[in-house]
Amino acid sequence: MAVPKLRPRRAQLPKLLPADDSVYATHRWKQLSRMVRRQRPVCEVCGNDLATQVHHIVPLRQAPQLAYEPTNLQSLCNACHAAKHGVTQQPIH
């Protein structure tokens, strides 16, 4: 007797993306991100590297109404942004 494969319901799957990941694809976000990095070009955490990412201080999942709020944004380098999200970066060879 074959055992059927069970799939978790969509509601049971962990959310890997922000509640509204479409924010990052908007023209408004791209302009705001460029503006924030232009105004604050150095990483706001380490202060050493060029800021290449814009990070939501209060995550979109918790406060989607703050998606475009400049006071909820930080300019970060890649390493600090990865650290904020708990991602370890592999060294470049």
N, C-alpha and C. Protein backbone atom coordinates (compact mmCIF):
# COMPACT_ATOMS: atom_id res chain seq x y z
N MET A 1 0.85 -1.18 0.00
CA MET A 1 0.00 0.00 0.00
C MET A 1 0.89 1.24 0.00
N ALA A 2 0.67 2.10 -0.94
CA ALA A 2 1.48 3.32 -1.06
C ALA A 2 1.01 4.36 -0.05
N VAL A 3 1.99 5.01 0.54
CA VAL A 3 1.68 6.06 1.51
C VAL A 3 1.62 7.38 0.75
N PRO A 4 0.50 8.10 0.88
CA PRO A 4 0.42 9.37 0.16
C PRO A 4 1.38 10.41 0.74
N LYS A 5 1.91 11.25 -0.14
CA LYS A 5 2.79 12.33 0.32
C LYS A 5 1.91 13.42 0.91
N LEU A 6 2.28 13.84 2.08
CA LEU A 6 1.53 14.91 2.73
C LEU A 6 2.23 16.23 2.50
N ARG A 7 1.47 17.19 2.12
CA ARG A 7 2.00 18.54 1.93
C ARG A 7 1.42 19.45 3.00
N PRO A 8 2.23 20.28 3.59
CA PRO A 8 1.67 21.21 4.57
C PRO A 8 0.78 22.23 3.88
N ARG A 9 -0.23 22.65 4.58
CA ARG A 9 -1.10 23.69 4.03
C ARG A 9 -0.30 24.98 3.92
N ARG A 10 -0.70 25.80 2.98
CA ARG A 10 0.01 27.07 2.76
C ARG A 10 0.12 27.88 4.04
N ALA A 11 -0.89 27.87 4.86
CA ALA A 11 -0.87 28.64 6.11
C ALA A 11 0.17 28.10 7.09
N GLN A 12 0.54 26.83 6.94
CA GLN A 12 1.51 26.23 7.86
C GLN A 12 2.95 26.43 7.41
N LEU A 13 3.16 26.89 6.19
CA LEU A 13 4.52 27.10 5.69
C LEU A 13 5.12 28.34 6.34
N PRO A 14 6.39 28.31 6.70
CA PRO A 14 7.00 29.51 7.30
C PRO A 14 7.11 30.62 6.28
N LYS A 15 6.93 31.83 6.74
CA LYS A 15 7.05 32.98 5.85
C LYS A 15 8.52 33.37 5.76
N LEU A 16 9.07 33.29 4.57
CA LEU A 16 10.47 33.62 4.36
C LEU A 16 10.64 35.05 3.87
N LEU A 17 9.59 35.62 3.35
CA LEU A 17 9.64 36.98 2.82
C LEU A 17 8.78 37.89 3.67
N PRO A 18 9.02 39.19 3.58
CA PRO A 18 8.16 40.12 4.31
C PRO A 18 6.71 39.95 3.90
N ALA A 19 5.82 40.42 4.75
CA ALA A 19 4.39 40.29 4.50
C ALA A 19 4.02 40.81 3.12
N ASP A 20 4.64 41.89 2.71
CA ASP A 20 4.35 42.44 1.39
C ASP A 20 5.68 42.63 0.65
N ASP A 21 6.21 41.53 0.13
CA ASP A 21 7.50 41.60 -0.55
C ASP A 21 7.43 42.38 -1.84
N SER A 22 6.23 42.70 -2.29
CA SER A 22 6.10 43.50 -3.51
C SER A 22 6.57 44.94 -3.30
N VAL A 23 6.73 45.36 -2.06
CA VAL A 23 7.24 46.70 -1.75
C VAL A 23 8.58 46.92 -2.44
N TYR A 24 9.44 45.91 -2.40
CA TYR A 24 10.79 46.04 -2.93
C TYR A 24 10.84 46.16 -4.46
N ALA A 25 9.77 45.82 -5.12
CA ALA A 25 9.73 45.89 -6.58
C ALA A 25 9.15 47.22 -7.07
N THR A 26 8.67 48.05 -6.17
CA THR A 26 8.02 49.29 -6.60
C THR A 26 9.02 50.39 -6.95
N HIS A 27 8.60 51.25 -7.83
CA HIS A 27 9.41 52.41 -8.20
C HIS A 27 9.63 53.30 -6.97
N ARG A 28 8.60 53.42 -6.16
CA ARG A 28 8.69 54.25 -4.96
C ARG A 28 9.79 53.76 -4.03
N TRP A 29 9.87 52.42 -3.81
CA TRP A 29 10.91 51.87 -2.94
C TRP A 29 12.30 52.10 -3.53
N LYS A 30 12.44 51.88 -4.82
CA LYS A 30 13.75 52.04 -5.45
C LYS A 30 14.24 53.48 -5.33
N GLN A 31 13.34 54.44 -5.52
CA GLN A 31 13.72 55.85 -5.37
C GLN A 31 14.08 56.16 -3.92
N LEU A 32 13.27 55.70 -2.99
CA LEU A 32 13.52 55.96 -1.57
C LEU A 32 14.82 55.31 -1.12
N SER A 33 15.07 54.10 -1.57
CA SER A 33 16.31 53.41 -1.22
C SER A 33 17.53 54.17 -1.72
N ARG A 34 17.48 54.64 -2.96
CA ARG A 34 18.58 55.44 -3.51
C ARG A 34 18.77 56.72 -2.71
N MET A 35 17.67 57.37 -2.36
CA MET A 35 17.74 58.62 -1.62
C MET A 35 18.38 58.40 -0.24
N VAL A 36 17.97 57.35 0.45
CA VAL A 36 18.52 57.06 1.79
C VAL A 36 20.01 56.77 1.69
N ARG A 37 20.42 55.97 0.70
CA ARG A 37 21.84 55.65 0.54
C ARG A 37 22.65 56.88 0.11
N ARG A 38 22.04 57.80 -0.61
CA ARG A 38 22.73 59.03 -1.01
C ARG A 38 22.90 59.95 0.21
N GLN A 39 21.88 60.04 1.03
CA GLN A 39 21.94 60.90 2.22
C GLN A 39 22.84 60.33 3.31
N ARG A 40 22.85 59.00 3.42
CA ARG A 40 23.66 58.32 4.44
C ARG A 40 24.50 57.24 3.75
N PRO A 41 25.58 57.64 3.08
CA PRO A 41 26.34 56.71 2.24
C PRO A 41 27.22 55.71 3.00
N VAL A 42 27.44 55.92 4.28
CA VAL A 42 28.30 55.02 5.07
C VAL A 42 27.40 54.16 5.95
N CYS A 43 27.79 52.90 6.12
CA CYS A 43 27.02 51.97 6.95
C CYS A 43 26.77 52.56 8.33
N GLU A 44 25.51 52.56 8.74
CA GLU A 44 25.13 53.15 10.02
C GLU A 44 25.44 52.24 11.21
N VAL A 45 25.87 51.02 10.97
CA VAL A 45 26.23 50.11 12.07
C VAL A 45 27.74 50.12 12.30
N CYS A 46 28.50 49.75 11.27
CA CYS A 46 29.96 49.65 11.46
C CYS A 46 30.66 50.98 11.18
N GLY A 47 30.08 51.82 10.36
CA GLY A 47 30.68 53.11 10.04
C GLY A 47 31.93 53.03 9.18
N ASN A 48 32.24 51.84 8.69
CA ASN A 48 33.46 51.65 7.92
C ASN A 48 33.24 51.50 6.42
N ASP A 49 32.18 50.81 6.05
CA ASP A 49 31.96 50.46 4.66
C ASP A 49 30.88 51.30 4.00
N LEU A 50 30.89 51.28 2.69
CA LEU A 50 29.87 51.96 1.90
C LEU A 50 28.54 51.25 2.08
N ALA A 51 27.48 52.01 2.29
CA ALA A 51 26.15 51.42 2.44
C ALA A 51 25.64 50.98 1.08
N THR A 52 25.27 49.73 0.98
CA THR A 52 24.74 49.18 -0.27
C THR A 52 23.32 48.66 -0.11
N GLN A 53 22.84 48.60 1.12
CA GLN A 53 21.50 48.08 1.42
C GLN A 53 20.74 49.07 2.28
N VAL A 54 19.42 49.03 2.18
CA VAL A 54 18.56 49.82 3.07
C VAL A 54 17.71 48.82 3.85
N HIS A 55 17.77 48.94 5.16
CA HIS A 55 17.15 47.97 6.07
C HIS A 55 15.98 48.62 6.81
N HIS A 56 14.87 47.88 6.95
CA HIS A 56 13.75 48.33 7.77
C HIS A 56 14.08 48.03 9.23
N ILE A 57 14.10 49.03 10.07
CA ILE A 57 14.40 48.85 11.50
C ILE A 57 13.28 48.02 12.13
N VAL A 58 12.05 48.46 11.96
CA VAL A 58 10.89 47.66 12.36
C VAL A 58 10.48 46.89 11.11
N PRO A 59 10.53 45.56 11.15
CA PRO A 59 10.28 44.75 9.95
C PRO A 59 8.91 45.00 9.32
N LEU A 60 8.85 44.80 8.01
CA LEU A 60 7.59 44.97 7.29
C LEU A 60 6.49 44.08 7.85
N ARG A 61 6.83 42.88 8.29
CA ARG A 61 5.82 41.98 8.85
C ARG A 61 5.12 42.60 10.05
N GLN A 62 5.88 43.31 10.86
CA GLN A 62 5.33 43.90 12.08
C GLN A 62 4.62 45.22 11.81
N ALA A 63 5.12 45.99 10.86
CA ALA A 63 4.56 47.33 10.62
C ALA A 63 4.59 47.67 9.13
N PRO A 64 3.72 47.06 8.33
CA PRO A 64 3.73 47.36 6.89
C PRO A 64 3.45 48.83 6.58
N GLN A 65 2.81 49.53 7.49
CA GLN A 65 2.52 50.95 7.28
C GLN A 65 3.80 51.80 7.31
N LEU A 66 4.90 51.23 7.81
CA LEU A 66 6.18 51.96 7.86
C LEU A 66 7.10 51.61 6.70
N ALA A 67 6.57 50.96 5.69
CA ALA A 67 7.39 50.49 4.56
C ALA A 67 8.17 51.62 3.90
N TYR A 68 7.57 52.79 3.77
CA TYR A 68 8.20 53.91 3.08
C TYR A 68 8.56 55.05 4.03
N GLU A 69 8.61 54.78 5.31
CA GLU A 69 8.92 55.80 6.31
C GLU A 69 10.43 55.92 6.48
N PRO A 70 11.02 57.06 6.07
CA PRO A 70 12.48 57.22 6.15
C PRO A 70 13.06 57.04 7.55
N THR A 71 12.30 57.37 8.59
CA THR A 71 12.82 57.21 9.95
C THR A 71 12.89 55.74 10.37
N ASN A 72 12.29 54.84 9.58
CA ASN A 72 12.33 53.41 9.87
C ASN A 72 13.38 52.70 9.01
N LEU A 73 14.25 53.46 8.37
CA LEU A 73 15.23 52.88 7.45
C LEU A 73 16.65 53.15 7.91
N GLN A 74 17.54 52.19 7.65
CA GLN A 74 18.97 52.31 7.94
C GLN A 74 19.75 51.98 6.69
N SER A 75 20.83 52.73 6.45
CA SER A 75 21.77 52.40 5.38
C SER A 75 22.80 51.44 5.96
N LEU A 76 22.97 50.30 5.30
CA LEU A 76 23.89 49.29 5.82
C LEU A 76 24.78 48.73 4.71
N CYS A 77 25.96 48.26 5.10
CA CYS A 77 26.81 47.52 4.17
C CYS A 77 26.25 46.10 4.08
N ASN A 78 26.73 45.34 3.12
CA ASN A 78 26.23 43.96 2.95
C ASN A 78 26.43 43.11 4.19
N ALA A 79 27.61 43.21 4.82
CA ALA A 79 27.91 42.38 5.99
C ALA A 79 26.99 42.70 7.16
N CYS A 80 26.79 43.98 7.44
CA CYS A 80 25.93 44.36 8.56
C CYS A 80 24.46 44.02 8.28
N HIS A 81 24.05 44.15 7.02
CA HIS A 81 22.68 43.80 6.67
C HIS A 81 22.46 42.30 6.84
N ALA A 82 23.43 41.50 6.41
CA ALA A 82 23.33 40.05 6.60
C ALA A 82 23.29 39.70 8.08
N ALA A 83 24.10 40.37 8.88
CA ALA A 83 24.12 40.11 10.32
C ALA A 83 22.78 40.45 10.97
N LYS A 84 22.15 41.53 10.53
CA LYS A 84 20.85 41.93 11.06
C LYS A 84 19.81 40.84 10.81
N HIS A 85 19.96 40.14 9.69
CA HIS A 85 19.00 39.09 9.32
C HIS A 85 19.48 37.70 9.74
N GLY A 86 20.60 37.64 10.47
CA GLY A 86 21.10 36.38 10.96
C GLY A 86 21.70 35.48 9.90
N VAL A 87 22.19 36.07 8.83
CA VAL A 87 22.79 35.30 7.73
C VAL A 87 24.30 35.43 7.84
N THR A 88 24.99 34.30 7.77
CA THR A 88 26.44 34.36 7.77
C THR A 88 26.94 34.38 6.33
N GLN A 89 27.88 35.23 6.06
CA GLN A 89 28.41 35.36 4.71
C GLN A 89 29.65 34.49 4.56
N GLN A 90 29.76 33.88 3.40
CA GLN A 90 30.93 33.07 3.09
C GLN A 90 32.05 33.98 2.61
N PRO A 91 33.28 33.72 3.03
CA PRO A 91 34.40 34.56 2.54
C PRO A 91 34.57 34.40 1.04
N ILE A 92 34.97 35.47 0.38
CA ILE A 92 35.20 35.45 -1.07
C ILE A 92 36.62 34.94 -1.31
N HIS A 93 36.76 33.95 -2.18
CA HIS A 93 38.08 33.37 -2.49
C HIS A 93 38.63 33.96 -3.74
